[in-house]
């Protein structure tokens, strides 16, 4: 068996949170042996995992070195899924396109950009999707502003922000809370094409652009461009990023496969946090092997994962462990976004949309993932 790269020295986190209100009870693996550190992987559990067949995981954005993608890629590279008798197939995808594939059972796991995104799809499509892990307990979206256009958030009034699809909810909450700005009222948005922030930055008549703190700011800095950064996290706006989810149907049918997929994935996350540069290099190798259709660069991916890893460690609540969802935070996220009208008249329910126990139960009392034959 392969040995894990421990992160205990980097992240002295304590005992995992107890179960909370978002969970559905699941006793489907009551008769299957538990995994114990320092012991062989149980043969009956191996058989139960093999019964799940080929497990499809769809990435949220190519093989990018991003939270909820990189841990799966690293786990696969290290052979952790094989160690737990899991046949895992990783396919590059795009976050919003993957929800119906998991909901229909065509795939079993995928990566979500935020809990709001997952809950909204679930509510709109009557889908029973379950967030199993939450890497970052803060919004990932930030707003970059041309300093010559606006010296403060209030100066954005009557200006136009360029967006990819829509103004991120956390940014919308920040603008309203801090400057009284409401999209379509006293601040406007316009769609921009593609994913190149330097091209978006050069577009005329834009006061700024939103993006992920782990991507766009680094790209603008590497291009030598000057901008002011407004981060919803600095204003205590609730949010989340880097979620891995499955369907309630698959969770019920193959509980040990779900648990051990997440066990191997949390091992991969531990390794990726312990060695950010090495993890980013693994991601870049996969990106290039897939033809790099999104023109991702080694420098950009190194920046992406270094930023994500630092944020994950910094935002994991005291008393919890990496990746464990926190019910109160997820509920607060939906409530805050509902206040600015993100969901119209129908805010999504959080009931059944996450599990606080699947990942929490993978850790021992020292905050280390329980792994067979590990030191």
Foldseek 3Di string as FASTA:
>chain_A
DDAFDFCCVVFQFFAADDWDFQDDDACLCVPPDDFFAAAQQDPRLLVLQCVLPEAEEEEAAQQFLAFLRLLLLLLVVRCLCVSRNHHYDYDYDHALVCLVCQQVPVHFKYKHFWLQSLLLVCQVVVGQKAWEFFQFWAHQKKKWFDCVQDVDLLSQFQAEEEEAPDDDLLVQLCSCVPHVDAEPPGHHYDYDDADQLVVVVPDPRHGIYMDGPLFNVVNCVVVVHDTDMGGSVVVVQTITGRTMMHGPVSCRSRVSNVLSSVLSSVSSLSRCLVPVLVSLVSSVVSCVVVVVPRPDDSVSSSSNNVVSSVSSSVRDDHNHARTADDVVRSVSNQVSSVVSCPPPPDRGDSHSHYIRPSNSVQADRSRHGRDYSYD
